[in-house]
PDB file of N, CA and C in Angstrom:
ATOM      1  N   UNK A   1     117.699  85.190  69.980  1.00  0.00           N
ATOM      2  CA  UNK A   1     116.350  84.809  70.244  1.00  0.00           C
ATOM      3  C   UNK A   1     115.487  86.019  70.587  1.00  0.00           C
ATOM      4  N   UNK A   2     116.082  87.126  70.838  1.00  0.00           N
ATOM      5  CA  UNK A   2     115.303  88.308  71.204  1.00  0.00           C
ATOM      6  C   UNK A   2     114.264  88.605  70.127  1.00  0.00           C
ATOM      7  N   UNK A   3     113.034  88.760  70.537  1.00  0.00           N
ATOM      8  CA  UNK A   3     111.976  89.062  69.606  1.00  0.00           C
ATOM      9  C   UNK A   3     111.308  87.847  69.006  1.00  0.00           C
ATOM     10  N   UNK A   4     111.868  86.673  69.201  1.00  0.00           N
ATOM     11  CA  UNK A   4     111.289  85.464  68.617  1.00  0.00           C
ATOM     12  C   UNK A   4     110.097  84.942  69.399  1.00  0.00           C
ATOM     13  N   UNK A   5     110.073  85.136  70.686  1.00  0.00           N
ATOM     14  CA  UNK A   5     108.968  84.653  71.513  1.00  0.00           C
ATOM     15  C   UNK A   5     108.549  85.780  72.450  1.00  0.00           C
ATOM     16  N   UNK A   6     107.256  86.013  72.579  1.00  0.00           N
ATOM     17  CA  UNK A   6     106.817  87.056  73.500  1.00  0.00           C
ATOM     18  C   UNK A   6     107.149  86.664  74.939  1.00  0.00           C
ATOM     19  N   UNK A   7     107.465  87.641  75.730  1.00  0.00           N
ATOM     20  CA  UNK A   7     107.803  87.377  77.120  1.00  0.00           C
ATOM     21  C   UNK A   7     106.556  87.068  77.936  1.00  0.00           C
ATOM     22  N   UNK A   8     106.504  85.897  78.569  1.00  0.00           N
ATOM     23  CA  UNK A   8     105.346  85.587  79.405  1.00  0.00           C
ATOM     24  C   UNK A   8     105.302  86.443  80.665  1.00  0.00           C
ATOM     25  N   UNK A   9     106.412  87.097  80.984  1.00  0.00           N
ATOM     26  CA  UNK A   9     106.456  87.928  82.180  1.00  0.00           C
ATOM     27  C   UNK A   9     105.767  89.271  81.973  1.00  0.00           C
ATOM     28  N   UNK A  10     105.528  89.645  80.722  1.00  0.00           N
ATOM     29  CA  UNK A  10     104.899  90.929  80.431  1.00  0.00           C
ATOM     30  C   UNK A  10     103.383  90.849  80.383  1.00  0.00           C
ATOM     31  N   UNK A  11     102.823  89.661  80.585  1.00  0.00           N
ATOM     32  CA  UNK A  11     101.387  89.480  80.509  1.00  0.00           C
ATOM     33  C   UNK A  11     100.849  89.146  81.900  1.00  0.00           C
ATOM     34  N   UNK A  12     100.083  90.046  82.502  1.00  0.00           N
ATOM     35  CA  UNK A  12      99.582  89.797  83.861  1.00  0.00           C
ATOM     36  C   UNK A  12      98.591  88.633  83.940  1.00  0.00           C
ATOM     37  N   UNK A  13      98.045  88.193  82.803  1.00  0.00           N
ATOM     38  CA  UNK A  13      97.101  87.075  82.798  1.00  0.00           C
ATOM     39  C   UNK A  13      97.801  85.713  82.805  1.00  0.00           C
ATOM     40  N   UNK A  14      99.097  85.701  82.569  1.00  0.00           N
ATOM     41  CA  UNK A  14      99.858  84.446  82.545  1.00  0.00           C
ATOM     42  C   UNK A  14     100.454  84.230  83.936  1.00  0.00           C
ATOM     43  N   UNK A  15     100.026  83.163  84.614  1.00  0.00           N
ATOM     44  CA  UNK A  15     100.477  82.918  85.986  1.00  0.00           C
ATOM     45  C   UNK A  15     101.810  82.177  86.044  1.00  0.00           C
ATOM     46  N   UNK A  16     102.121  81.371  85.030  1.00  0.00           N
ATOM     47  CA  UNK A  16     103.352  80.577  85.020  1.00  0.00           C
ATOM     48  C   UNK A  16     104.009  80.689  83.655  1.00  0.00           C
ATOM     49  N   UNK A  17     105.283  80.393  83.616  1.00  0.00           N
ATOM     50  CA  UNK A  17     105.977  80.385  82.331  1.00  0.00           C
ATOM     51  C   UNK A  17     105.618  79.117  81.566  1.00  0.00           C
ATOM     52  N   UNK A  18     105.812  79.117  80.258  1.00  0.00           N
ATOM     53  CA  UNK A  18     105.550  77.899  79.486  1.00  0.00           C
ATOM     54  C   UNK A  18     106.475  76.776  79.940  1.00  0.00           C
ATOM     55  N   UNK A  19     106.021  75.537  79.820  1.00  0.00           N
ATOM     56  CA  UNK A  19     106.851  74.423  80.243  1.00  0.00           C
ATOM     57  C   UNK A  19     107.826  73.974  79.163  1.00  0.00           C
ATOM     58  N   UNK A  20     107.528  74.226  77.900  1.00  0.00           N
ATOM     59  CA  UNK A  20     108.427  73.848  76.811  1.00  0.00           C
ATOM     60  C   UNK A  20     108.461  74.949  75.763  1.00  0.00           C
ATOM     61  N   UNK A  21     109.647  75.313  75.338  1.00  0.00           N
ATOM     62  CA  UNK A  21     109.837  76.255  74.232  1.00  0.00           C
ATOM     63  C   UNK A  21     110.730  75.575  73.197  1.00  0.00           C
ATOM     64  N   UNK A  22     110.222  75.414  71.979  1.00  0.00           N
ATOM     65  CA  UNK A  22     110.976  74.793  70.887  1.00  0.00           C
ATOM     66  C   UNK A  22     111.372  75.864  69.887  1.00  0.00           C
ATOM     67  N   UNK A  23     112.576  75.713  69.336  1.00  0.00           N
ATOM     68  CA  UNK A  23     112.960  76.539  68.197  1.00  0.00           C
ATOM     69  C   UNK A  23     112.092  76.137  67.009  1.00  0.00           C
ATOM     70  N   UNK A  24     111.838  77.059  66.103  1.00  0.00           N
ATOM     71  CA  UNK A  24     111.011  76.759  64.941  1.00  0.00           C
ATOM     72  C   UNK A  24     111.562  75.580  64.157  1.00  0.00           C
ATOM     73  N   UNK A  25     112.888  75.491  64.052  1.00  0.00           N
ATOM     74  CA  UNK A  25     113.492  74.389  63.287  1.00  0.00           C
ATOM     75  C   UNK A  25     113.742  73.141  64.145  1.00  0.00           C
ATOM     76  N   UNK A  26     113.288  73.165  65.398  1.00  0.00           N
ATOM     77  CA  UNK A  26     113.419  72.032  66.334  1.00  0.00           C
ATOM     78  C   UNK A  26     114.880  71.692  66.646  1.00  0.00           C
ATOM     79  N   UNK A  27     115.775  72.664  66.518  1.00  0.00           N
ATOM     80  CA  UNK A  27     117.192  72.414  66.793  1.00  0.00           C
ATOM     81  C   UNK A  27     117.521  72.488  68.281  1.00  0.00           C
ATOM     82  N   UNK A  28     116.631  73.046  69.086  1.00  0.00           N
ATOM     83  CA  UNK A  28     116.820  73.080  70.540  1.00  0.00           C
ATOM     84  C   UNK A  28     115.463  73.146  71.221  1.00  0.00           C
ATOM     85  N   UNK A  29     115.457  72.795  72.493  1.00  0.00           N
ATOM     86  CA  UNK A  29     114.246  72.879  73.308  1.00  0.00           C
ATOM     87  C   UNK A  29     114.637  73.280  74.727  1.00  0.00           C
ATOM     88  N   UNK A  30     113.797  74.074  75.353  1.00  0.00           N
ATOM     89  CA  UNK A  30     113.955  74.464  76.748  1.00  0.00           C
ATOM     90  C   UNK A  30     112.771  73.867  77.499  1.00  0.00           C
ATOM     91  N   UNK A  31     113.056  73.113  78.549  1.00  0.00           N
ATOM     92  CA  UNK A  31     112.017  72.485  79.366  1.00  0.00           C
ATOM     93  C   UNK A  31     112.125  73.013  80.787  1.00  0.00           C
ATOM     94  N   UNK A  32     111.038  73.495  81.324  1.00  0.00           N
ATOM     95  CA  UNK A  32     111.045  74.026  82.675  1.00  0.00           C
ATOM     96  C   UNK A  32     109.671  73.799  83.306  1.00  0.00           C
ATOM     97  N   UNK A  33     109.560  74.099  84.557  1.00  0.00           N
ATOM     98  CA  UNK A  33     108.291  74.019  85.265  1.00  0.00           C
ATOM     99  C   UNK A  33     108.369  74.999  86.426  1.00  0.00           C
ATOM    100  N   UNK A  34     107.245  75.502  86.858  1.00  0.00           N
ATOM    101  CA  UNK A  34     107.265  76.542  87.888  1.00  0.00           C
ATOM    102  C   UNK A  34     107.788  76.060  89.223  1.00  0.00           C
ATOM    103  N   UNK A  35     107.718  74.768  89.515  1.00  0.00           N
ATOM    104  CA  UNK A  35     108.184  74.299  90.817  1.00  0.00           C
ATOM    105  C   UNK A  35     109.521  73.555  90.765  1.00  0.00           C
ATOM    106  N   UNK A  36     110.185  73.591  89.632  1.00  0.00           N
ATOM    107  CA  UNK A  36     111.512  72.974  89.547  1.00  0.00           C
ATOM    108  C   UNK A  36     112.587  73.985  89.908  1.00  0.00           C
ATOM    109  N   UNK A  37     113.722  73.482  90.294  1.00  0.00           N
ATOM    110  CA  UNK A  37     114.837  74.367  90.645  1.00  0.00           C
ATOM    111  C   UNK A  37     115.679  74.716  89.435  1.00  0.00           C
ATOM    112  N   UNK A  38     115.412  74.127  88.331  1.00  0.00           N
ATOM    113  CA  UNK A  38     116.240  74.391  87.165  1.00  0.00           C
ATOM    114  C   UNK A  38     115.490  74.210  85.870  1.00  0.00           C
ATOM    115  N   UNK A  39     116.150  74.539  84.821  1.00  0.00           N
ATOM    116  CA  UNK A  39     115.624  74.440  83.470  1.00  0.00           C
ATOM    117  C   UNK A  39     116.544  73.541  82.676  1.00  0.00           C
ATOM    118  N   UNK A  40     115.986  72.691  81.853  1.00  0.00           N
ATOM    119  CA  UNK A  40     116.784  71.799  81.018  1.00  0.00           C
ATOM    120  C   UNK A  40     116.787  72.332  79.591  1.00  0.00           C
ATOM    121  N   UNK A  41     117.962  72.269  78.966  1.00  0.00           N
ATOM    122  CA  UNK A  41     118.118  72.687  77.584  1.00  0.00           C
ATOM    123  C   UNK A  41     118.722  71.529  76.806  1.00  0.00           C
ATOM    124  N   UNK A  42     118.125  71.200  75.690  1.00  0.00           N
ATOM    125  CA  UNK A  42     118.667  70.186  74.782  1.00  0.00           C
ATOM    126  C   UNK A  42     118.925  70.860  73.453  1.00  0.00           C
ATOM    127  N   UNK A  43     120.095  70.612  72.906  1.00  0.00           N
ATOM    128  CA  UNK A  43     120.420  71.222  71.620  1.00  0.00           C
ATOM    129  C   UNK A  43     121.761  70.735  71.130  1.00  0.00           C
ATOM    130  N   UNK A  44     122.302  71.466  70.200  1.00  0.00           N
ATOM    131  CA  UNK A  44     123.577  71.099  69.589  1.00  0.00           C
ATOM    132  C   UNK A  44     124.721  71.231  70.594  1.00  0.00           C
ATOM    133  N   UNK A  45     125.803  70.548  70.312  1.00  0.00           N
ATOM    134  CA  UNK A  45     126.984  70.636  71.174  1.00  0.00           C
ATOM    135  C   UNK A  45     127.468  72.080  71.313  1.00  0.00           C
ATOM    136  N   UNK A  46     127.563  72.871  70.218  1.00  0.00           N
ATOM    137  CA  UNK A  46     127.996  74.269  70.377  1.00  0.00           C
ATOM    138  C   UNK A  46     127.073  75.088  71.283  1.00  0.00           C
ATOM    139  N   UNK A  47     125.765  74.850  71.193  1.00  0.00           N
ATOM    140  CA  UNK A  47     124.835  75.562  72.070  1.00  0.00           C
ATOM    141  C   UNK A  47     125.093  75.211  73.527  1.00  0.00           C
ATOM    142  N   UNK A  48     125.212  73.928  73.821  1.00  0.00           N
ATOM    143  CA  UNK A  48     125.431  73.494  75.203  1.00  0.00           C
ATOM    144  C   UNK A  48     126.775  74.001  75.718  1.00  0.00           C
ATOM    145  N   UNK A  49     127.814  73.931  74.896  1.00  0.00           N
ATOM    146  CA  UNK A  49     129.125  74.437  75.310  1.00  0.00           C
ATOM    147  C   UNK A  49     129.075  75.943  75.579  1.00  0.00           C
ATOM    148  N   UNK A  50     128.313  76.685  74.773  1.00  0.00           N
ATOM    149  CA  UNK A  50     128.176  78.128  75.002  1.00  0.00           C
ATOM    150  C   UNK A  50     127.480  78.402  76.333  1.00  0.00           C
ATOM    151  N   UNK A  51     126.448  77.637  76.649  1.00  0.00           N
ATOM    152  CA  UNK A  51     125.761  77.812  77.934  1.00  0.00           C
ATOM    153  C   UNK A  51     126.677  77.466  79.099  1.00  0.00           C
ATOM    154  N   UNK A  52     127.399  76.362  78.980  1.00  0.00           N
ATOM    155  CA  UNK A  52     128.314  75.947  80.046  1.00  0.00           C
ATOM    156  C   UNK A  52     129.449  76.947  80.234  1.00  0.00           C
ATOM    157  N   UNK A  53     129.869  77.594  79.149  1.00  0.00           N
ATOM    158  CA  UNK A  53     130.988  78.532  79.215  1.00  0.00           C
ATOM    159  C   UNK A  53     130.615  79.954  79.567  1.00  0.00           C
ATOM    160  N   UNK A  54     129.340  80.271  79.638  1.00  0.00           N
ATOM    161  CA  UNK A  54     128.903  81.634  79.940  1.00  0.00           C
ATOM    162  C   UNK A  54     129.061  81.895  81.437  1.00  0.00           C
ATOM    163  N   UNK A  55     129.852  82.898  81.817  1.00  0.00           N
ATOM    164  CA  UNK A  55     130.092  83.159  83.241  1.00  0.00           C
ATOM    165  C   UNK A  55     128.864  83.682  83.993  1.00  0.00           C
ATOM    166  N   UNK A  56     127.836  84.135  83.286  1.00  0.00           N
ATOM    167  CA  UNK A  56     126.649  84.667  83.953  1.00  0.00           C
ATOM    168  C   UNK A  56     125.535  83.636  84.089  1.00  0.00           C
ATOM    169  N   UNK A  57     125.734  82.430  83.557  1.00  0.00           N
ATOM    170  CA  UNK A  57     124.720  81.383  83.626  1.00  0.00           C
ATOM    171  C   UNK A  57     125.237  80.249  84.495  1.00  0.00           C
ATOM    172  N   UNK A  58     124.431  79.819  85.452  1.00  0.00           N
ATOM    173  CA  UNK A  58     124.772  78.625  86.229  1.00  0.00           C
ATOM    174  C   UNK A  58     124.309  77.423  85.430  1.00  0.00           C
ATOM    175  N   UNK A  59     125.249  76.594  84.994  1.00  0.00           N
ATOM    176  CA  UNK A  59     124.890  75.450  84.163  1.00  0.00           C
ATOM    177  C   UNK A  59     125.737  74.249  84.530  1.00  0.00           C
ATOM    178  N   UNK A  60     125.135  73.089  84.468  1.00  0.00           N
ATOM    179  CA  UNK A  60     125.830  71.815  84.658  1.00  0.00           C
ATOM    180  C   UNK A  60     125.365  70.860  83.563  1.00  0.00           C
ATOM    181  N   UNK A  61     126.237  69.958  83.194  1.00  0.00           N
ATOM    182  CA  UNK A  61     125.870  68.949  82.212  1.00  0.00           C
ATOM    183  C   UNK A  61     125.281  67.760  82.966  1.00  0.00           C
ATOM    184  N   UNK A  62     124.080  67.349  82.580  1.00  0.00           N
ATOM    185  CA  UNK A  62     123.454  66.186  83.202  1.00  0.00           C
ATOM    186  C   UNK A  62     123.972  64.912  82.552  1.00  0.00           C
ATOM    187  N   UNK A  63     124.130  63.862  83.350  1.00  0.00           N
ATOM    188  CA  UNK A  63     124.597  62.597  82.765  1.00  0.00           C
ATOM    189  C   UNK A  63     123.518  61.957  81.911  1.00  0.00           C
ATOM    190  N   UNK A  64     123.923  61.252  80.871  1.00  0.00           N
ATOM    191  CA  UNK A  64     122.982  60.494  80.046  1.00  0.00           C
ATOM    192  C   UNK A  64     122.510  59.293  80.833  1.00  0.00           C
ATOM    193  N   UNK A  65     121.256  58.962  80.717  1.00  0.00           N
ATOM    194  CA  UNK A  65     120.726  57.752  81.353  1.00  0.00           C
ATOM    195  C   UNK A  65     120.036  56.922  80.281  1.00  0.00           C
ATOM    196  N   UNK A  66     119.922  55.648  80.556  1.00  0.00           N
ATOM    197  CA  UNK A  66     119.252  54.794  79.552  1.00  0.00           C
ATOM    198  C   UNK A  66     117.951  54.266  80.098  1.00  0.00           C
TER     199      UNK A  66
END
């Protein structure tokens, strides 16, 4: 993903990060907010498994709700 989206942290005029970032092909989405304690990621099973398995990322799987 490096280079695909400009960093909002490099712009002093941007006070908060974007709340939603979608891949161009809509295969994943990142949802966050400045006052939340976490970020939600929705995507393919391999993407989620990679995030859960990365030792440098704190990640938990949220239960499905109806």
